[in-house]
Every structure is written in structure tokens, then in C-alpha cells.
Amino acid sequence: MRAEAQAHVDKINQALALVRRFLDWDRALRRLDQLNNRVEDPTLWNDPKAAQEVMRERRRLDESIGAANAIQRELDDTTELMEMAEAEGDAALVDEAVASLAALAERAERDKVAALLAGEADANNAYIEVNAGAGGTESQDWAEMLQRMYTRWAERRGLKVELIDQHAGEQAGIKSATLLLKGENAYGYAKTESGVHRLVRISPYDSAARRHTSFSSVWVYPEVDDDIDIEVNESELRIDTYRASGAGGQHINTTDSAVRITHIPTNIVVQCQNQRSQHKNRAEAMKQLKARLYEAELQKREAEANATAANKTDIGWGHQIRSYVLQPYQLVKDLRTGVTSTAPAEVLDGALDPFMAAALSQRVTGEKVDVEDVE
């Protein structure tokens, strides 16, 4: 077998081994059989919530196991075909088999990442909150660029994006914005983006064309499902109403429909102004607050687990700074992951996808990934 083909085979086998080890393969097969038997029980839907949880777990297990089995079958068939082609001296068929193995290796890597997104809230929808830092118009413009980047990235992945709250800047950009990403594994894919994002560029707002550094913070937290019970004491909340800002009709800008909720013990602040009704805005803000409290609890559990793990040198990604260097007609480089995008440097819309893919792959595998490996 050619060295190139063997490299693809080794990569596929490593991905399959990681998925099987992560799923605890034998236990996963037994659990899938149990869930299939429960689905056949006609009394299952007597409790709709429990039934939905069973169906969701069954679907996730069935997809992970089915994907691994399909890759293994295709790998066996392709390697067998290659061996026959080499024995017969058919170079064209060998080249075709090598190309098939390369495509299969890429698919195995994608399925590996999807299978590893099995955290407690990875499958949930996700809130993305962007806040401009110090720097005035520069940081506000950078915050709007980040918001647009996340929106475009989510749309390319087939996620539905809802704008929950947005405060526009005085001259350009935004002061803050909250997005809700709806779709499978939205939180699992986006959670590595939490932290401070720094942009270095020649400012378009500076007549002297000097280089400016802008900061914006991004926080990602999962939407809380109905079956997750989060208790919030009303006496620990401060609820403020104010007039919504931005574009809107006569009603939305002339009544105090926007709602801001502050959780006093943790100093967590959430707000919503996208609905015309103050009641609906308050309900959405409460959902955000519960999501923030749940995400804080998940971080606490992860910190405790890391403290007892063998590798105590790992640094939480949420405490790091992701930096971008942006100059006209040059590369855009993420200084945290080392990933460089060759997309046009004037617009970052196309640069986020390889950055996030590399960050996620590097997080779950511990291996440094170049942008060419994830595009």
C-alpha cells in the first residue's frame, strides 16, 4: 500500500478508536438496544417529556454508532479494492482508491468532533453575548464585526440566529448585543469562543492612519431546557425597565418595554428589548439569567474536575485572549490558536469558521491544527 494511502488509513483508524473509546463502545451498544426496546413500548408517550428525552438520547447514540460503523465498512471496502488494484497493476484504480481514502479521512475527522460533543449542555441552543471594551468607536466597531462574524458562521452551519438585544454605538458599531443560536450542538461548537477578543488594525476612523488595538468580550452560555430546574429567588433580583433603542415602530420606542435584570449575589446582568411586550421581554431575560447561572455552575464543575485531573497545567479557554491582526491585503492571524486565514483581510466575515473549527478540534484532541486541516 502506498505511503499516502497508509497515512489516510492510520488517520481514519485513530479517529474511530477515539470515538469508540469516548463512547465506551460496548456500553453504548447495550444502551442503544435498551433505548430501542423502550421506544417500542406503547406506554412511553404517557410521559411526553420523558419520551422526548429518550428519543433524543437514542437519536444521538444511533447517529454516533451508525457513523462509526459506516466509516469502518467503507474503509474495509476501499482498502480491499486498493489491494486488488495493486495486485492487478491498475494504477488508475489505485489513484481513485487513494482519493476515496482522503475524503473518508476528512469525514472521519468531522464525525470525530461531532461525537466528542457529548457534554452536559453541548446539544443545547446557545446565547452569544458580545460587549465592546474600552476604546470608544474602535471597540464598538470591532464588537459589531464580531457579531456579524458569529451570525455568518452560524448561518453557514445551518443554525437559526435570533437577535435578542442590541445597543448601537454613538458613531458606529455596537455597545453590546446578544444572539440566540438555535440548532444541534450549537453550544458545543460555540463555547470555546468565550473570552476577550483583541483586534490590531490600521484604524479607518483615524485620519493619521495609526494602528489601534481594540478589545471586545464574548461570553457563550447554553439555553436551559425545560427539564433543567434552576431556582431563582425573586428577592435577589433587581428588575429595571427602560425605553428600547434602535429601529422600530411607534410603540417600541415610546414605551418602557425593554427589561434589564440584575442578579445581585453574582452581579450577572441580562437584558432584552426585541419584543414589543414588556412581559415577553422579561420572560426572555429570565431565560437568559437562568442560562447564565447554569453556565456558571458548569464552569464550576469543570474547574473542580480539572483540579483533580492528572494534568493540572491546563488553562481554561474562557480566561485567555484571542487576538487578531488585521491589515489590508495581508493575512488575518488568530494569535491564540496560531491559525492563519487567507481570506481578504478587509472583511473578517469569512475568517471565523476556520478559527472556530481549529479551536474546537484543538480543544477536544489536544493537537495543534492548521487552517488547511479544517477547511
Protein backbone atom coordinates (compact mmCIF):
# COMPACT_ATOMS: atom_id res chain seq x y z
CA MET A 1 0.00 0.00 0.00
CA ARG A 2 1.26 3.47 -0.85
CA ALA A 3 2.60 5.60 1.98
CA GLU A 4 0.00 8.28 1.22
CA ALA A 5 -2.82 5.75 1.42
CA GLN A 6 -1.44 4.25 4.62
CA ALA A 7 -1.34 7.71 6.22
CA HIS A 8 -5.04 8.16 5.44
CA VAL A 9 -5.85 4.71 6.84
CA ASP A 10 -3.95 5.46 10.06
CA LYS A 11 -5.76 8.77 10.44
CA ILE A 12 -9.15 7.09 9.99
CA ASN A 13 -8.30 4.31 12.46
CA GLN A 14 -7.17 6.87 15.05
CA ALA A 15 -10.41 8.82 14.68
CA LEU A 16 -12.51 5.65 15.00
CA ALA A 17 -10.55 4.49 18.04
CA LEU A 18 -11.03 7.85 19.75
CA VAL A 19 -14.79 7.83 19.08
CA ARG A 20 -15.19 4.26 20.35
CA ARG A 21 -13.17 4.98 23.47
CA PHE A 22 -15.11 8.15 24.14
CA LEU A 23 -18.49 6.43 23.67
CA ASP A 24 -17.44 3.37 25.70
CA TRP A 25 -18.39 1.27 22.69
CA ASP A 26 -19.76 -1.87 24.36
CA ARG A 27 -21.79 0.15 26.86
CA ALA A 28 -23.10 2.37 24.07
CA LEU A 29 -24.29 -0.64 22.05
CA ARG A 30 -26.10 -2.07 25.09
CA ARG A 31 -27.65 1.31 25.86
CA LEU A 32 -28.89 1.70 22.27
CA ASP A 33 -30.58 -1.73 22.47
CA GLN A 34 -32.27 -0.67 25.72
CA LEU A 35 -33.50 2.58 24.17
CA ASN A 36 -34.81 0.75 21.09
CA ASN A 37 -36.81 -1.53 23.37
CA ARG A 38 -38.23 1.45 25.24
CA VAL A 39 -39.27 3.13 22.00
CA GLU A 40 -41.32 0.04 21.11
CA ASP A 41 -43.17 0.30 24.45
CA PRO A 42 -46.62 1.86 23.74
CA THR A 43 -46.74 3.41 27.23
CA LEU A 44 -43.63 5.51 26.57
CA TRP A 45 -45.59 8.57 25.44
CA ASN A 46 -47.68 8.64 28.58
CA ASP A 47 -44.97 10.99 29.82
CA PRO A 48 -44.14 13.26 26.83
CA LYS A 49 -41.11 14.93 28.45
CA ALA A 50 -39.50 11.61 29.36
CA ALA A 51 -40.30 10.27 25.90
CA GLN A 52 -38.64 13.23 24.21
CA GLU A 53 -35.52 12.75 26.33
CA VAL A 54 -35.42 9.05 25.39
CA MET A 55 -35.82 9.85 21.70
CA ARG A 56 -33.10 12.49 21.82
CA GLU A 57 -30.63 10.17 23.55
CA ARG A 58 -31.50 7.36 21.14
CA ARG A 59 -31.01 9.62 18.10
CA ARG A 60 -27.62 10.84 19.30
CA LEU A 61 -26.36 7.34 20.08
CA ASP A 62 -27.73 5.91 16.84
CA GLU A 63 -26.08 8.68 14.79
CA SER A 64 -22.70 8.28 16.50
CA ILE A 65 -22.66 4.49 16.29
CA GLY A 66 -24.06 4.47 12.75
CA ALA A 67 -21.46 6.97 11.53
CA ALA A 68 -18.58 4.95 13.02
CA ASN A 69 -19.89 1.70 11.53
CA ALA A 70 -20.40 3.30 8.12
CA ILE A 71 -16.84 4.65 8.06
CA GLN A 72 -15.45 1.27 9.11
CA ARG A 73 -17.36 -0.52 6.32
CA GLU A 74 -16.24 2.00 3.71
CA LEU A 75 -12.66 1.76 4.95
CA ASP A 76 -12.67 -2.04 4.66
CA ASP A 77 -14.19 -1.94 1.16
CA THR A 78 -11.76 0.72 -0.10
CA THR A 79 -8.63 -0.96 1.27
CA GLU A 80 -9.74 -4.28 -0.23
CA LEU A 81 -10.32 -2.59 -3.59
CA MET A 82 -6.88 -0.98 -3.41
CA GLU A 83 -5.16 -4.28 -2.69
CA MET A 84 -6.89 -5.88 -5.70
CA ALA A 85 -5.95 -2.93 -7.93
CA GLU A 86 -2.30 -3.09 -6.84
CA ALA A 87 -2.22 -6.82 -7.46
CA GLU A 88 -3.56 -6.29 -11.00
CA GLY A 89 -1.34 -3.25 -11.62
CA ASP A 90 -4.28 -0.90 -12.28
CA ALA A 91 -2.73 2.50 -11.44
CA ALA A 92 -5.89 4.48 -12.26
CA LEU A 93 -7.97 2.43 -9.84
CA VAL A 94 -5.29 2.80 -7.15
CA ASP A 95 -5.37 6.60 -7.55
CA GLU A 96 -9.15 6.55 -7.24
CA ALA A 97 -8.92 4.49 -4.06
CA VAL A 98 -6.36 6.90 -2.56
CA ALA A 99 -8.70 9.84 -3.30
CA SER A 100 -11.56 7.95 -1.65
CA LEU A 101 -9.43 7.32 1.43
CA ALA A 102 -8.52 11.02 1.63
CA ALA A 103 -12.20 12.02 1.51
CA LEU A 104 -13.03 9.35 4.08
CA ALA A 105 -10.30 10.66 6.41
CA GLU A 106 -11.81 14.16 6.27
CA ARG A 107 -15.23 12.72 7.03
CA ALA A 108 -13.88 10.70 9.94
CA GLU A 109 -12.36 13.85 11.44
CA ARG A 110 -15.68 15.71 11.20
CA ASP A 111 -17.59 12.80 12.73
CA LYS A 112 -14.99 12.54 15.50
CA VAL A 113 -15.54 16.14 16.54
CA ALA A 114 -19.33 15.70 16.40
CA ALA A 115 -19.14 12.57 18.57
CA LEU A 116 -16.94 14.32 21.12
CA LEU A 117 -19.61 16.98 21.65
CA ALA A 118 -21.29 14.94 24.35
CA GLY A 119 -21.04 17.35 27.26
CA GLU A 120 -23.92 18.01 29.60
CA ALA A 121 -25.16 21.01 27.60
CA ASP A 122 -23.32 20.66 24.26
CA ALA A 123 -26.50 19.78 22.37
CA ASN A 124 -28.40 22.83 23.65
CA ASN A 125 -29.03 26.13 21.91
CA ALA A 126 -26.53 28.86 22.79
CA TYR A 127 -26.55 32.52 23.72
CA ILE A 128 -23.63 34.61 22.46
CA GLU A 129 -23.14 37.93 24.22
CA VAL A 130 -20.77 40.49 22.68
CA ASN A 131 -19.69 43.59 24.63
CA ALA A 132 -17.44 46.37 23.38
CA GLY A 133 -14.48 47.15 25.64
CA ALA A 134 -12.50 50.31 26.25
CA GLY A 135 -11.67 52.24 23.10
CA GLY A 136 -14.86 54.02 22.10
CA THR A 137 -15.79 53.84 18.44
CA GLU A 138 -12.92 51.47 17.64
CA SER A 139 -14.08 48.81 20.10
CA GLN A 140 -17.72 49.31 19.18
CA ASP A 141 -16.90 48.74 15.52
CA TRP A 142 -14.92 45.63 16.45
CA ALA A 143 -17.87 44.35 18.52
CA GLU A 144 -20.17 44.73 15.53
CA MET A 145 -17.67 42.86 13.35
CA LEU A 146 -17.67 40.01 15.87
CA GLN A 147 -21.45 39.96 15.94
CA ARG A 148 -21.55 39.75 12.14
CA MET A 149 -18.89 37.04 12.14
CA TYR A 150 -20.82 34.83 14.56
CA THR A 151 -24.06 35.40 12.65
CA ARG A 152 -22.48 34.41 9.32
CA TRP A 153 -20.73 31.41 10.90
CA ALA A 154 -23.97 30.15 12.46
CA GLU A 155 -25.92 30.57 9.22
CA ARG A 156 -23.30 28.58 7.30
CA ARG A 157 -23.69 25.76 9.82
CA GLY A 158 -27.46 25.75 9.35
CA LEU A 159 -28.20 27.31 12.75
CA LYS A 160 -31.06 29.75 13.24
CA VAL A 161 -29.94 33.11 14.67
CA GLU A 162 -32.17 35.42 16.71
CA LEU A 163 -31.12 38.90 17.83
CA ILE A 164 -32.23 39.16 21.47
CA ASP A 165 -30.76 42.53 22.40
CA GLN A 166 -28.59 45.21 20.80
CA HIS A 167 -27.36 48.66 21.80
CA ALA A 168 -25.92 50.74 18.98
CA GLY A 169 -22.80 52.87 19.34
CA GLU A 170 -22.82 56.65 19.05
CA GLN A 171 -20.92 56.87 15.75
CA ALA A 172 -20.51 53.29 14.53
CA GLY A 173 -20.70 49.71 15.71
CA ILE A 174 -22.50 48.43 18.80
CA LYS A 175 -22.00 48.70 22.53
CA SER A 176 -23.44 45.23 23.19
CA ALA A 177 -25.53 42.53 21.54
CA THR A 178 -26.97 39.16 22.48
CA LEU A 179 -27.60 36.43 19.90
CA LEU A 180 -29.51 33.16 20.35
CA LEU A 181 -28.21 30.31 18.18
CA LYS A 182 -30.72 27.51 17.67
CA GLY A 183 -29.67 24.14 16.32
CA GLU A 184 -27.98 20.84 17.09
CA ASN A 185 -24.80 21.19 19.17
CA ALA A 186 -24.92 24.99 18.98
CA TYR A 187 -23.39 25.40 22.45
CA GLY A 188 -20.86 22.62 21.92
CA TYR A 189 -19.42 24.30 18.84
CA ALA A 190 -19.56 27.88 20.10
CA LYS A 191 -18.48 27.52 23.75
CA THR A 192 -14.76 27.83 23.00
CA GLU A 193 -15.32 31.44 21.90
CA SER A 194 -15.84 32.74 25.47
CA GLY A 195 -13.17 35.25 26.42
CA VAL A 196 -11.65 38.58 25.39
CA HIS A 197 -11.06 39.21 21.68
CA ARG A 198 -8.42 41.74 20.63
CA LEU A 199 -8.05 43.33 17.20
CA VAL A 200 -4.97 45.19 15.95
CA ARG A 201 -5.50 47.19 12.75
CA ILE A 202 -4.97 50.49 10.97
CA SER A 203 -7.99 52.47 12.13
CA PRO A 204 -10.41 53.67 9.44
CA TYR A 205 -11.56 56.33 11.92
CA ASP A 206 -8.10 57.84 12.45
CA SER A 207 -7.14 60.47 9.88
CA ALA A 208 -3.46 59.86 10.72
CA ALA A 209 -3.86 56.15 9.80
CA ARG A 210 -2.34 54.96 13.07
CA ARG A 211 -2.52 51.40 14.37
CA HIS A 212 -5.15 50.86 17.07
CA THR A 213 -5.84 47.96 19.45
CA SER A 214 -9.48 47.22 20.25
CA PHE A 215 -10.98 44.83 22.81
CA SER A 216 -14.37 43.13 22.99
CA SER A 217 -15.59 40.40 25.31
CA VAL A 218 -17.60 37.40 24.16
CA TRP A 219 -19.47 35.11 26.53
CA VAL A 220 -21.23 31.94 25.43
CA TYR A 221 -23.72 30.09 27.62
CA PRO A 222 -26.28 27.35 26.90
CA GLU A 223 -30.02 27.82 26.78
CA VAL A 224 -31.62 25.98 29.67
CA ASP A 225 -34.02 23.17 28.75
CA ASP A 226 -37.41 22.88 30.42
CA ASP A 227 -36.26 19.73 32.24
CA ILE A 228 -33.36 21.58 33.93
CA ASP A 229 -34.59 23.13 37.17
CA ILE A 230 -32.88 26.43 38.02
CA GLU A 231 -34.20 28.11 41.15
CA VAL A 232 -34.03 31.91 41.22
CA ASN A 233 -35.03 33.85 44.33
CA GLU A 234 -37.08 36.88 43.28
CA SER A 235 -35.78 38.84 46.28
CA GLU A 236 -32.24 38.59 44.82
CA LEU A 237 -33.23 40.29 41.56
CA ARG A 238 -33.26 43.94 40.55
CA ILE A 239 -35.53 44.50 37.56
CA ASP A 240 -35.31 47.74 35.58
CA THR A 241 -37.40 48.80 32.61
CA TYR A 242 -36.36 51.36 30.03
CA ARG A 243 -37.21 52.58 26.56
CA ALA A 244 -35.97 50.35 23.77
CA SER A 245 -33.39 51.82 21.42
CA GLY A 246 -32.72 51.25 17.75
CA ALA A 247 -35.05 50.86 14.79
CA GLY A 248 -38.71 50.15 15.49
CA GLY A 249 -42.28 51.32 15.16
CA GLN A 250 -44.14 53.92 17.17
CA HIS A 251 -44.81 51.57 20.08
CA ILE A 252 -41.39 50.01 20.63
CA ASN A 253 -39.57 53.32 21.06
CA THR A 254 -42.20 55.19 23.09
CA THR A 255 -42.87 52.78 25.98
CA ASP A 256 -40.65 51.24 28.64
CA SER A 257 -40.81 47.79 27.08
CA ALA A 258 -37.11 46.83 27.43
CA VAL A 259 -36.16 44.88 30.57
CA ARG A 260 -32.86 44.61 32.43
CA ILE A 261 -32.46 42.04 35.25
CA THR A 262 -29.54 42.07 37.69
CA HIS A 263 -28.84 39.02 39.85
CA ILE A 264 -27.44 40.69 42.96
CA PRO A 265 -25.44 37.76 44.50
CA THR A 266 -23.48 37.09 41.29
CA ASN A 267 -23.78 40.57 39.69
CA ILE A 268 -24.96 38.93 36.45
CA VAL A 269 -26.85 41.38 34.23
CA VAL A 270 -29.12 40.31 31.36
CA GLN A 271 -31.42 42.40 29.20
CA CYS A 272 -33.90 42.04 26.36
CA GLN A 273 -35.64 44.55 24.10
CA ASN A 274 -36.51 42.65 20.94
CA GLN A 275 -40.17 42.06 21.88
CA ARG A 276 -42.90 44.71 21.84
CA SER A 277 -44.31 43.47 25.14
CA GLN A 278 -42.55 44.15 28.44
CA HIS A 279 -43.93 40.84 29.73
CA LYS A 280 -42.30 38.90 26.85
CA ASN A 281 -39.01 40.75 27.26
CA ARG A 282 -39.00 39.91 30.96
CA ALA A 283 -39.64 36.22 30.24
CA GLU A 284 -36.78 36.15 27.71
CA ALA A 285 -34.46 37.96 30.14
CA MET A 286 -35.29 35.39 32.85
CA LYS A 287 -34.38 32.62 30.41
CA GLN A 288 -31.02 34.32 29.80
CA LEU A 289 -30.43 34.69 33.54
CA LYS A 290 -31.10 31.00 34.18
CA ALA A 291 -28.79 30.12 31.30
CA ARG A 292 -26.02 32.30 32.76
CA LEU A 293 -26.43 30.71 36.21
CA TYR A 294 -26.40 27.23 34.67
CA GLU A 295 -23.25 28.03 32.66
CA ALA A 296 -21.56 29.30 35.84
CA GLU A 297 -22.38 26.01 37.52
CA LEU A 298 -20.95 24.05 34.57
CA GLN A 299 -17.73 26.06 34.76
CA LYS A 300 -17.51 25.36 38.48
CA ARG A 301 -17.87 21.62 37.89
CA GLU A 302 -15.27 21.71 35.10
CA ALA A 303 -12.82 23.62 37.32
CA GLU A 304 -13.26 21.04 40.09
CA ALA A 305 -12.72 18.20 37.62
CA ASN A 306 -9.59 19.84 36.22
CA ALA A 307 -8.24 20.38 39.73
CA THR A 308 -8.37 16.64 40.37
CA ALA A 309 -7.12 15.62 36.93
CA ALA A 310 -3.59 14.42 36.31
CA ASN A 311 -2.81 17.38 34.05
CA LYS A 312 -3.12 20.41 36.32
CA THR A 313 -1.41 22.79 33.91
CA ASP A 314 -4.41 23.15 31.62
CA ILE A 315 -5.73 26.74 31.37
CA GLY A 316 -9.42 27.37 30.89
CA TRP A 317 -10.10 28.84 27.45
CA GLY A 318 -12.54 31.36 28.84
CA HIS A 319 -9.69 33.18 30.60
CA GLN A 320 -7.50 33.60 27.55
CA ILE A 321 -7.38 36.38 25.00
CA ARG A 322 -7.93 35.70 21.31
CA SER A 323 -6.06 38.24 19.22
CA TYR A 324 -6.40 39.14 15.55
CA VAL A 325 -4.01 41.19 13.43
CA LEU A 326 -5.84 42.88 10.57
CA GLN A 327 -4.12 44.86 7.84
CA PRO A 328 -5.22 45.45 4.24
CA TYR A 329 -4.22 42.71 1.78
CA GLN A 330 -2.41 40.70 4.48
CA LEU A 331 -3.23 37.56 6.43
CA VAL A 332 -5.55 37.50 9.42
CA LYS A 333 -3.93 35.57 12.24
CA ASP A 334 -5.51 34.27 15.42
CA LEU A 335 -2.68 34.64 17.93
CA ARG A 336 -4.27 32.29 20.46
CA THR A 337 -4.56 29.17 18.28
CA GLY A 338 -1.91 30.13 15.73
CA VAL A 339 -4.43 29.73 12.90
CA THR A 340 -3.96 31.99 9.89
CA SER A 341 -6.76 32.72 7.42
CA THR A 342 -6.07 33.68 3.83
CA ALA A 343 -9.47 35.37 3.50
CA PRO A 344 -9.42 39.04 2.42
CA ALA A 345 -8.20 40.96 5.44
CA GLU A 346 -10.56 43.92 4.98
CA VAL A 347 -13.57 41.77 5.94
CA LEU A 348 -13.48 39.15 8.70
CA ASP A 349 -16.78 37.52 7.75
CA GLY A 350 -15.08 34.51 6.18
CA ALA A 351 -12.27 34.17 8.70
CA LEU A 352 -14.19 32.96 11.72
CA ASP A 353 -15.15 29.49 10.52
CA PRO A 354 -11.59 28.07 10.32
CA PHE A 355 -10.70 29.81 13.59
CA MET A 356 -13.60 28.20 15.47
CA ALA A 357 -13.14 24.81 13.84
CA ALA A 358 -9.45 24.77 14.75
CA ALA A 359 -10.17 25.94 18.29
CA LEU A 360 -12.74 23.20 18.82
CA SER A 361 -10.58 20.48 17.30
CA GLN A 362 -7.58 21.62 19.32
CA ARG A 363 -9.66 21.66 22.49
CA VAL A 364 -11.06 18.14 22.14
CA THR A 365 -7.95 16.44 20.74
CA GLY A 366 -5.13 18.44 22.31
CA GLU A 367 -3.43 18.68 18.91
CA LYS A 368 -2.48 21.93 17.17
CA VAL A 369 -4.46 22.26 13.96
CA ASP A 370 -3.64 24.32 10.89
CA VAL A 371 -6.40 26.02 8.95
CA GLU A 372 -5.78 23.80 5.92
CA ASP A 373 -6.75 20.77 8.03
CA VAL A 374 -10.21 22.08 8.87
CA GLU A 375 -11.37 23.84 5.76
